[in-house]
């Protein structure tokens, strides 16, 4: 095992069985942020695929031909549920 100068690089490096490893020194590791945990947050309201199709033509002034193309995209996207920060006004 062969070490390099950790004072100038902030890392300790060595070769072990032909594999070069680099690890931060304890002083260097303390000065860098780390990720403690991850989470997913979703808005509270959901919109179904049928809701999107129902309201798309009513909310946006889209010519019939383009509306049909957009409905096809919604159907083929395989997104069954979307999340929104706003509550959808029901039919």
PDB file of N, CA and C in Angstrom:
ATOM      1  N   UNK A   1       0.840  -1.165   0.000  1.00  0.00           N
ATOM      2  CA  UNK A   1       0.000   0.000   0.000  1.00  0.00           C
ATOM      3  C   UNK A   1       0.894   1.240   0.000  1.00  0.00           C
ATOM      4  N   UNK A   2       0.583   2.258  -0.838  1.00  0.00           N
ATOM      5  CA  UNK A   2       1.429   3.431  -0.964  1.00  0.00           C
ATOM      6  C   UNK A   2       0.546   4.664  -0.790  1.00  0.00           C
ATOM      7  N   UNK A   3       0.843   5.550   0.180  1.00  0.00           N
ATOM      8  CA  UNK A   3       0.046   6.752   0.423  1.00  0.00           C
ATOM      9  C   UNK A   3       0.628   7.961  -0.276  1.00  0.00           C
ATOM     10  N   UNK A   4      -0.231   8.965  -0.596  1.00  0.00           N
ATOM     11  CA  UNK A   4       0.213  10.225  -1.176  1.00  0.00           C
ATOM     12  C   UNK A   4       0.097  11.315  -0.130  1.00  0.00           C
ATOM     13  N   UNK A   5       0.441  12.532  -0.499  1.00  0.00           N
ATOM     14  CA  UNK A   5       0.462  13.645   0.436  1.00  0.00           C
ATOM     15  C   UNK A   5      -0.957  14.159   0.686  1.00  0.00           C
ATOM     16  N   UNK A   6      -1.549  13.785   1.805  1.00  0.00           N
ATOM     17  CA  UNK A   6      -2.913  14.182   2.133  1.00  0.00           C
ATOM     18  C   UNK A   6      -3.007  15.657   2.487  1.00  0.00           C
ATOM     19  N   UNK A   7      -1.927  16.253   2.930  1.00  0.00           N
ATOM     20  CA  UNK A   7      -1.958  17.668   3.312  1.00  0.00           C
ATOM     21  C   UNK A   7      -2.192  18.565   2.102  1.00  0.00           C
ATOM     22  N   UNK A   8      -1.697  18.211   0.939  1.00  0.00           N
ATOM     23  CA  UNK A   8      -1.863  19.056  -0.245  1.00  0.00           C
ATOM     24  C   UNK A   8      -3.073  18.660  -1.093  1.00  0.00           C
ATOM     25  N   UNK A   9      -3.457  17.384  -1.074  1.00  0.00           N
ATOM     26  CA  UNK A   9      -4.560  16.944  -1.924  1.00  0.00           C
ATOM     27  C   UNK A   9      -5.891  16.898  -1.205  1.00  0.00           C
ATOM     28  N   UNK A  10      -5.886  16.733   0.115  1.00  0.00           N
ATOM     29  CA  UNK A  10      -7.125  16.571   0.857  1.00  0.00           C
ATOM     30  C   UNK A  10      -7.659  15.153   0.759  1.00  0.00           C
ATOM     31  N   UNK A  11      -6.950  14.314   0.024  1.00  0.00           N
ATOM     32  CA  UNK A  11      -7.355  12.923  -0.151  1.00  0.00           C
ATOM     33  C   UNK A  11      -6.195  12.012   0.181  1.00  0.00           C
ATOM     34  N   UNK A  12      -6.505  10.838   0.633  1.00  0.00           N
ATOM     35  CA  UNK A  12      -5.507   9.792   0.819  1.00  0.00           C
ATOM     36  C   UNK A  12      -5.701   8.829  -0.336  1.00  0.00           C
ATOM     37  N   UNK A  13      -4.628   8.555  -1.074  1.00  0.00           N
ATOM     38  CA  UNK A  13      -4.701   7.645  -2.213  1.00  0.00           C
ATOM     39  C   UNK A  13      -3.710   6.511  -2.012  1.00  0.00           C
ATOM     40  N   UNK A  14      -4.097   5.346  -2.467  1.00  0.00           N
ATOM     41  CA  UNK A  14      -3.189   4.222  -2.429  1.00  0.00           C
ATOM     42  C   UNK A  14      -3.612   3.205  -3.467  1.00  0.00           C
ATOM     43  N   UNK A  15      -2.680   2.325  -3.780  1.00  0.00           N
ATOM     44  CA  UNK A  15      -2.987   1.219  -4.672  1.00  0.00           C
ATOM     45  C   UNK A  15      -2.973  -0.045  -3.859  1.00  0.00           C
ATOM     46  N   UNK A  16      -4.006  -0.848  -4.078  1.00  0.00           N
ATOM     47  CA  UNK A  16      -4.112  -2.112  -3.380  1.00  0.00           C
ATOM     48  C   UNK A  16      -4.538  -3.151  -4.403  1.00  0.00           C
ATOM     49  N   UNK A  17      -3.702  -4.110  -4.686  1.00  0.00           N
ATOM     50  CA  UNK A  17      -3.974  -5.135  -5.693  1.00  0.00           C
ATOM     51  C   UNK A  17      -4.301  -4.528  -7.054  1.00  0.00           C
ATOM     52  N   UNK A  18      -3.594  -3.461  -7.421  1.00  0.00           N
ATOM     53  CA  UNK A  18      -3.783  -2.827  -8.714  1.00  0.00           C
ATOM     54  C   UNK A  18      -4.977  -1.895  -8.795  1.00  0.00           C
ATOM     55  N   UNK A  19      -5.708  -1.724  -7.700  1.00  0.00           N
ATOM     56  CA  UNK A  19      -6.875  -0.829  -7.683  1.00  0.00           C
ATOM     57  C   UNK A  19      -6.502   0.442  -6.943  1.00  0.00           C
ATOM     58  N   UNK A  20      -6.655   1.574  -7.617  1.00  0.00           N
ATOM     59  CA  UNK A  20      -6.324   2.848  -6.988  1.00  0.00           C
ATOM     60  C   UNK A  20      -7.550   3.347  -6.230  1.00  0.00           C
ATOM     61  N   UNK A  21      -7.401   3.669  -4.970  1.00  0.00           N
ATOM     62  CA  UNK A  21      -8.500   4.159  -4.148  1.00  0.00           C
ATOM     63  C   UNK A  21      -8.187   5.569  -3.682  1.00  0.00           C
ATOM     64  N   UNK A  22      -9.226   6.394  -3.643  1.00  0.00           N
ATOM     65  CA  UNK A  22      -9.118   7.776  -3.161  1.00  0.00           C
ATOM     66  C   UNK A  22     -10.191   7.975  -2.106  1.00  0.00           C
ATOM     67  N   UNK A  23      -9.811   8.405  -0.957  1.00  0.00           N
ATOM     68  CA  UNK A  23     -10.778   8.704   0.097  1.00  0.00           C
ATOM     69  C   UNK A  23     -10.417  10.034   0.723  1.00  0.00           C
ATOM     70  N   UNK A  24     -11.431  10.839   1.069  1.00  0.00           N
ATOM     71  CA  UNK A  24     -11.133  12.127   1.702  1.00  0.00           C
ATOM     72  C   UNK A  24     -10.555  11.917   3.094  1.00  0.00           C
ATOM     73  N   UNK A  25      -9.671  12.824   3.473  1.00  0.00           N
ATOM     74  CA  UNK A  25      -9.161  12.778   4.843  1.00  0.00           C
ATOM     75  C   UNK A  25     -10.265  13.249   5.773  1.00  0.00           C
ATOM     76  N   UNK A  26     -10.146  12.998   7.048  1.00  0.00           N
ATOM     77  CA  UNK A  26     -11.210  13.371   7.994  1.00  0.00           C
ATOM     78  C   UNK A  26     -11.432  14.881   8.021  1.00  0.00           C
ATOM     79  N   UNK A  27     -10.375  15.681   7.887  1.00  0.00           N
ATOM     80  CA  UNK A  27     -10.522  17.137   7.879  1.00  0.00           C
ATOM     81  C   UNK A  27     -11.251  17.592   6.624  1.00  0.00           C
ATOM     82  N   UNK A  28     -10.960  16.966   5.475  1.00  0.00           N
ATOM     83  CA  UNK A  28     -11.612  17.321   4.220  1.00  0.00           C
ATOM     84  C   UNK A  28     -13.072  16.895   4.237  1.00  0.00           C
ATOM     85  N   UNK A  29     -13.372  15.720   4.756  1.00  0.00           N
ATOM     86  CA  UNK A  29     -14.748  15.225   4.806  1.00  0.00           C
ATOM     87  C   UNK A  29     -15.613  16.109   5.685  1.00  0.00           C
ATOM     88  N   UNK A  30     -15.067  16.659   6.742  1.00  0.00           N
ATOM     89  CA  UNK A  30     -15.835  17.512   7.646  1.00  0.00           C
ATOM     90  C   UNK A  30     -16.195  18.842   7.002  1.00  0.00           C
ATOM     91  N   UNK A  31     -15.457  19.291   5.993  1.00  0.00           N
ATOM     92  CA  UNK A  31     -15.720  20.590   5.382  1.00  0.00           C
ATOM     93  C   UNK A  31     -16.686  20.524   4.203  1.00  0.00           C
ATOM     94  N   UNK A  32     -17.088  19.322   3.777  1.00  0.00           N
ATOM     95  CA  UNK A  32     -18.003  19.167   2.658  1.00  0.00           C
ATOM     96  C   UNK A  32     -19.371  18.712   3.152  1.00  0.00           C
ATOM     97  N   UNK A  33     -20.435  19.239   2.552  1.00  0.00           N
ATOM     98  CA  UNK A  33     -21.781  18.804   2.964  1.00  0.00           C
ATOM     99  C   UNK A  33     -22.044  17.369   2.532  1.00  0.00           C
ATOM    100  N   UNK A  34     -22.905  16.703   3.262  1.00  0.00           N
ATOM    101  CA  UNK A  34     -23.296  15.345   2.916  1.00  0.00           C
ATOM    102  C   UNK A  34     -24.819  15.268   2.871  1.00  0.00           C
ATOM    103  N   UNK A  35     -25.338  14.313   2.137  1.00  0.00           N
ATOM    104  CA  UNK A  35     -26.784  14.096   2.064  1.00  0.00           C
ATOM    105  C   UNK A  35     -27.153  13.142   3.190  1.00  0.00           C
ATOM    106  N   UNK A  36     -27.981  13.616   4.106  1.00  0.00           N
ATOM    107  CA  UNK A  36     -28.367  12.801   5.250  1.00  0.00           C
ATOM    108  C   UNK A  36     -29.568  11.917   4.926  1.00  0.00           C
ATOM    109  N   UNK A  37     -30.512  12.416   4.098  1.00  0.00           N
ATOM    110  CA  UNK A  37     -31.704  11.642   3.751  1.00  0.00           C
ATOM    111  C   UNK A  37     -32.349  12.245   2.514  1.00  0.00           C
ATOM    112  N   UNK A  38     -33.189  11.479   1.864  1.00  0.00           N
ATOM    113  CA  UNK A  38     -33.949  11.974   0.725  1.00  0.00           C
ATOM    114  C   UNK A  38     -35.427  11.684   0.958  1.00  0.00           C
ATOM    115  N   UNK A  39     -36.284  12.458   0.285  1.00  0.00           N
ATOM    116  CA  UNK A  39     -37.727  12.263   0.414  1.00  0.00           C
ATOM    117  C   UNK A  39     -38.401  12.796  -0.845  1.00  0.00           C
ATOM    118  N   UNK A  40     -39.627  12.385  -1.040  1.00  0.00           N
ATOM    119  CA  UNK A  40     -40.421  12.870  -2.157  1.00  0.00           C
ATOM    120  C   UNK A  40     -41.647  13.574  -1.601  1.00  0.00           C
ATOM    121  N   UNK A  41     -41.879  14.784  -2.075  1.00  0.00           N
ATOM    122  CA  UNK A  41     -43.062  15.530  -1.656  1.00  0.00           C
ATOM    123  C   UNK A  41     -43.939  15.759  -2.875  1.00  0.00           C
ATOM    124  N   UNK A  42     -45.208  15.473  -2.733  1.00  0.00           N
ATOM    125  CA  UNK A  42     -46.154  15.661  -3.822  1.00  0.00           C
ATOM    126  C   UNK A  42     -47.230  16.650  -3.402  1.00  0.00           C
ATOM    127  N   UNK A  43     -47.692  17.466  -4.341  1.00  0.00           N
ATOM    128  CA  UNK A  43     -48.809  18.356  -4.030  1.00  0.00           C
ATOM    129  C   UNK A  43     -50.031  17.538  -3.599  1.00  0.00           C
ATOM    130  N   UNK A  44     -50.934  18.131  -2.838  1.00  0.00           N
ATOM    131  CA  UNK A  44     -52.018  17.361  -2.226  1.00  0.00           C
ATOM    132  C   UNK A  44     -53.149  16.938  -3.162  1.00  0.00           C
ATOM    133  N   UNK A  45     -53.313  17.584  -4.296  1.00  0.00           N
ATOM    134  CA  UNK A  45     -54.459  17.303  -5.154  1.00  0.00           C
ATOM    135  C   UNK A  45     -54.044  16.463  -6.359  1.00  0.00           C
ATOM    136  N   UNK A  46     -54.923  15.553  -6.769  1.00  0.00           N
ATOM    137  CA  UNK A  46     -54.634  14.707  -7.917  1.00  0.00           C
ATOM    138  C   UNK A  46     -55.628  14.966  -9.048  1.00  0.00           C
ATOM    139  N   UNK A  47     -55.152  14.746 -10.266  1.00  0.00           N
ATOM    140  CA  UNK A  47     -55.961  14.903 -11.468  1.00  0.00           C
ATOM    141  C   UNK A  47     -55.796  13.619 -12.274  1.00  0.00           C
ATOM    142  N   UNK A  48     -56.892  12.990 -12.626  1.00  0.00           N
ATOM    143  CA  UNK A  48     -56.823  11.754 -13.394  1.00  0.00           C
ATOM    144  C   UNK A  48     -56.678  12.053 -14.885  1.00  0.00           C
ATOM    145  N   UNK A  49     -56.386  11.037 -15.644  1.00  0.00           N
ATOM    146  CA  UNK A  49     -56.281  11.165 -17.098  1.00  0.00           C
ATOM    147  C   UNK A  49     -57.615  11.634 -17.680  1.00  0.00           C
ATOM    148  N   UNK A  50     -58.710  11.100 -17.166  1.00  0.00           N
ATOM    149  CA  UNK A  50     -60.034  11.505 -17.653  1.00  0.00           C
ATOM    150  C   UNK A  50     -60.314  12.974 -17.355  1.00  0.00           C
ATOM    151  N   UNK A  51     -59.858  13.455 -16.193  1.00  0.00           N
ATOM    152  CA  UNK A  51     -60.015  14.881 -15.863  1.00  0.00           C
ATOM    153  C   UNK A  51     -59.267  15.752 -16.864  1.00  0.00           C
ATOM    154  N   UNK A  52     -58.042  15.344 -17.188  1.00  0.00           N
ATOM    155  CA  UNK A  52     -57.233  16.119 -18.148  1.00  0.00           C
ATOM    156  C   UNK A  52     -57.948  16.186 -19.487  1.00  0.00           C
ATOM    157  N   UNK A  53     -58.441  15.058 -19.945  1.00  0.00           N
ATOM    158  CA  UNK A  53     -59.121  15.032 -21.237  1.00  0.00           C
ATOM    159  C   UNK A  53     -60.414  15.848 -21.208  1.00  0.00           C
ATOM    160  N   UNK A  54     -61.135  15.798 -20.113  1.00  0.00           N
ATOM    161  CA  UNK A  54     -62.397  16.526 -20.003  1.00  0.00           C
ATOM    162  C   UNK A  54     -62.170  18.038 -20.035  1.00  0.00           C
ATOM    163  N   UNK A  55     -61.178  18.505 -19.282  1.00  0.00           N
ATOM    164  CA  UNK A  55     -60.979  19.951 -19.138  1.00  0.00           C
ATOM    165  C   UNK A  55     -60.083  20.577 -20.208  1.00  0.00           C
ATOM    166  N   UNK A  56     -59.293  19.790 -20.902  1.00  0.00           N
ATOM    167  CA  UNK A  56     -58.340  20.362 -21.864  1.00  0.00           C
ATOM    168  C   UNK A  56     -59.043  21.209 -22.926  1.00  0.00           C
ATOM    169  N   UNK A  57     -60.079  20.684 -23.519  1.00  0.00           N
ATOM    170  CA  UNK A  57     -60.792  21.431 -24.554  1.00  0.00           C
ATOM    171  C   UNK A  57     -61.628  22.568 -24.009  1.00  0.00           C
ATOM    172  N   UNK A  58     -61.987  22.504 -22.738  1.00  0.00           N
ATOM    173  CA  UNK A  58     -62.809  23.548 -22.130  1.00  0.00           C
ATOM    174  C   UNK A  58     -61.971  24.729 -21.622  1.00  0.00           C
ATOM    175  N   UNK A  59     -60.751  24.440 -21.212  1.00  0.00           N
ATOM    176  CA  UNK A  59     -59.885  25.480 -20.652  1.00  0.00           C
ATOM    177  C   UNK A  59     -59.111  26.214 -21.752  1.00  0.00           C
ATOM    178  N   UNK A  60     -58.626  25.467 -22.736  1.00  0.00           N
ATOM    179  CA  UNK A  60     -57.809  26.052 -23.790  1.00  0.00           C
ATOM    180  C   UNK A  60     -58.602  26.149 -25.088  1.00  0.00           C
ATOM    181  N   UNK A  61     -58.421  27.241 -25.792  1.00  0.00           N
ATOM    182  CA  UNK A  61     -59.075  27.442 -27.083  1.00  0.00           C
ATOM    183  C   UNK A  61     -58.213  26.772 -28.153  1.00  0.00           C
ATOM    184  N   UNK A  62     -58.486  25.476 -28.393  1.00  0.00           N
ATOM    185  CA  UNK A  62     -57.676  24.675 -29.302  1.00  0.00           C
ATOM    186  C   UNK A  62     -58.565  24.213 -30.460  1.00  0.00           C
ATOM    187  N   UNK A  63     -58.100  24.345 -31.693  1.00  0.00           N
ATOM    188  CA  UNK A  63     -58.866  23.805 -32.824  1.00  0.00           C
ATOM    189  C   UNK A  63     -59.096  22.300 -32.660  1.00  0.00           C
ATOM    190  N   UNK A  64     -60.199  21.816 -33.168  1.00  0.00           N
ATOM    191  CA  UNK A  64     -60.603  20.413 -32.988  1.00  0.00           C
ATOM    192  C   UNK A  64     -59.516  19.417 -33.401  1.00  0.00           C
ATOM    193  N   UNK A  65     -58.860  19.669 -34.522  1.00  0.00           N
ATOM    194  CA  UNK A  65     -57.825  18.739 -35.010  1.00  0.00           C
ATOM    195  C   UNK A  65     -56.655  18.646 -34.030  1.00  0.00           C
ATOM    196  N   UNK A  66     -56.214  19.788 -33.510  1.00  0.00           N
ATOM    197  CA  UNK A  66     -55.109  19.779 -32.543  1.00  0.00           C
ATOM    198  C   UNK A  66     -55.550  19.167 -31.213  1.00  0.00           C
ATOM    199  N   UNK A  67     -56.812  19.399 -30.844  1.00  0.00           N
ATOM    200  CA  UNK A  67     -57.335  18.830 -29.603  1.00  0.00           C
ATOM    201  C   UNK A  67     -57.329  17.294 -29.679  1.00  0.00           C
ATOM    202  N   UNK A  68     -57.718  16.746 -30.809  1.00  0.00           N
ATOM    203  CA  UNK A  68     -57.687  15.288 -30.987  1.00  0.00           C
ATOM    204  C   UNK A  68     -56.264  14.756 -30.884  1.00  0.00           C
ATOM    205  N   UNK A  69     -55.311  15.473 -31.456  1.00  0.00           N
ATOM    206  CA  UNK A  69     -53.906  15.054 -31.374  1.00  0.00           C
ATOM    207  C   UNK A  69     -53.422  15.101 -29.917  1.00  0.00           C
ATOM    208  N   UNK A  70     -53.822  16.135 -29.190  1.00  0.00           N
ATOM    209  CA  UNK A  70     -53.418  16.242 -27.782  1.00  0.00           C
ATOM    210  C   UNK A  70     -54.062  15.149 -26.937  1.00  0.00           C
ATOM    211  N   UNK A  71     -55.299  14.789 -27.241  1.00  0.00           N
ATOM    212  CA  UNK A  71     -55.972  13.701 -26.519  1.00  0.00           C
ATOM    213  C   UNK A  71     -55.232  12.381 -26.754  1.00  0.00           C
ATOM    214  N   UNK A  72     -54.742  12.189 -27.957  1.00  0.00           N
ATOM    215  CA  UNK A  72     -53.974  10.994 -28.265  1.00  0.00           C
ATOM    216  C   UNK A  72     -52.678  10.959 -27.455  1.00  0.00           C
ATOM    217  N   UNK A  73     -52.050  12.102 -27.320  1.00  0.00           N
ATOM    218  CA  UNK A  73     -50.821  12.187 -26.514  1.00  0.00           C
ATOM    219  C   UNK A  73     -51.117  11.870 -25.059  1.00  0.00           C
ATOM    220  N   UNK A  74     -52.214  12.416 -24.534  1.00  0.00           N
ATOM    221  CA  UNK A  74     -52.598  12.151 -23.141  1.00  0.00           C
ATOM    222  C   UNK A  74     -52.854  10.654 -22.952  1.00  0.00           C
ATOM    223  N   UNK A  75     -53.557  10.042 -23.895  1.00  0.00           N
ATOM    224  CA  UNK A  75     -53.850   8.608 -23.786  1.00  0.00           C
ATOM    225  C   UNK A  75     -52.594   7.756 -23.839  1.00  0.00           C
ATOM    226  N   UNK A  76     -51.666   8.094 -24.720  1.00  0.00           N
ATOM    227  CA  UNK A  76     -50.469   7.274 -24.913  1.00  0.00           C
ATOM    228  C   UNK A  76     -49.339   7.576 -23.938  1.00  0.00           C
ATOM    229  N   UNK A  77     -49.481   8.604 -23.128  1.00  0.00           N
ATOM    230  CA  UNK A  77     -48.427   8.969 -22.184  1.00  0.00           C
ATOM    231  C   UNK A  77     -48.334   7.993 -21.015  1.00  0.00           C
ATOM    232  N   UNK A  78     -49.378   7.211 -20.807  1.00  0.00           N
ATOM    233  CA  UNK A  78     -49.411   6.248 -19.709  1.00  0.00           C
ATOM    234  C   UNK A  78     -49.272   6.904 -18.334  1.00  0.00           C
ATOM    235  N   UNK A  79     -49.669   8.175 -18.235  1.00  0.00           N
ATOM    236  CA  UNK A  79     -49.701   8.867 -16.946  1.00  0.00           C
ATOM    237  C   UNK A  79     -51.142   8.812 -16.472  1.00  0.00           C
ATOM    238  N   UNK A  80     -51.392   8.038 -15.438  1.00  0.00           N
ATOM    239  CA  UNK A  80     -52.763   7.828 -14.979  1.00  0.00           C
ATOM    240  C   UNK A  80     -53.200   8.872 -13.955  1.00  0.00           C
ATOM    241  N   UNK A  81     -52.238   9.461 -13.269  1.00  0.00           N
ATOM    242  CA  UNK A  81     -52.567  10.417 -12.213  1.00  0.00           C
ATOM    243  C   UNK A  81     -51.513  11.513 -12.185  1.00  0.00           C
ATOM    244  N   UNK A  82     -51.956  12.760 -12.124  1.00  0.00           N
ATOM    245  CA  UNK A  82     -51.051  13.904 -12.015  1.00  0.00           C
ATOM    246  C   UNK A  82     -51.318  14.597 -10.686  1.00  0.00           C
ATOM    247  N   UNK A  83     -50.344  15.349 -10.216  1.00  0.00           N
ATOM    248  CA  UNK A  83     -50.479  16.052  -8.942  1.00  0.00           C
ATOM    249  C   UNK A  83     -50.497  17.546  -9.187  1.00  0.00           C
ATOM    250  N   UNK A  84     -51.284  18.259  -8.385  1.00  0.00           N
ATOM    251  CA  UNK A  84     -51.438  19.692  -8.559  1.00  0.00           C
ATOM    252  C   UNK A  84     -51.486  20.394  -7.206  1.00  0.00           C
ATOM    253  N   UNK A  85     -51.019  21.633  -7.179  1.00  0.00           N
ATOM    254  CA  UNK A  85     -51.135  22.410  -5.942  1.00  0.00           C
ATOM    255  C   UNK A  85     -52.526  23.006  -5.807  1.00  0.00           C
ATOM    256  N   UNK A  86     -53.283  23.019  -6.919  1.00  0.00           N
ATOM    257  CA  UNK A  86     -54.633  23.571  -6.905  1.00  0.00           C
ATOM    258  C   UNK A  86     -55.664  22.459  -6.985  1.00  0.00           C
ATOM    259  N   UNK A  87     -56.765  22.631  -6.298  1.00  0.00           N
ATOM    260  CA  UNK A  87     -57.863  21.686  -6.353  1.00  0.00           C
ATOM    261  C   UNK A  87     -58.608  21.892  -7.662  1.00  0.00           C
ATOM    262  N   UNK A  88     -58.983  20.814  -8.304  1.00  0.00           N
ATOM    263  CA  UNK A  88     -59.715  20.874  -9.558  1.00  0.00           C
ATOM    264  C   UNK A  88     -61.194  21.093  -9.241  1.00  0.00           C
ATOM    265  N   UNK A  89     -61.796  22.059  -9.882  1.00  0.00           N
ATOM    266  CA  UNK A  89     -63.231  22.299  -9.676  1.00  0.00           C
ATOM    267  C   UNK A  89     -63.971  21.160 -10.379  1.00  0.00           C
ATOM    268  N   UNK A  90     -64.756  20.448  -9.648  1.00  0.00           N
ATOM    269  CA  UNK A  90     -65.407  19.249 -10.217  1.00  0.00           C
ATOM    270  C   UNK A  90     -66.510  19.620 -11.188  1.00  0.00           C
ATOM    271  N   UNK A  91     -66.844  18.656 -12.008  1.00  0.00           N
ATOM    272  CA  UNK A  91     -67.844  18.849 -13.069  1.00  0.00           C
ATOM    273  C   UNK A  91     -69.210  19.082 -12.526  1.00  0.00           C
TER     274      UNK A  91
END
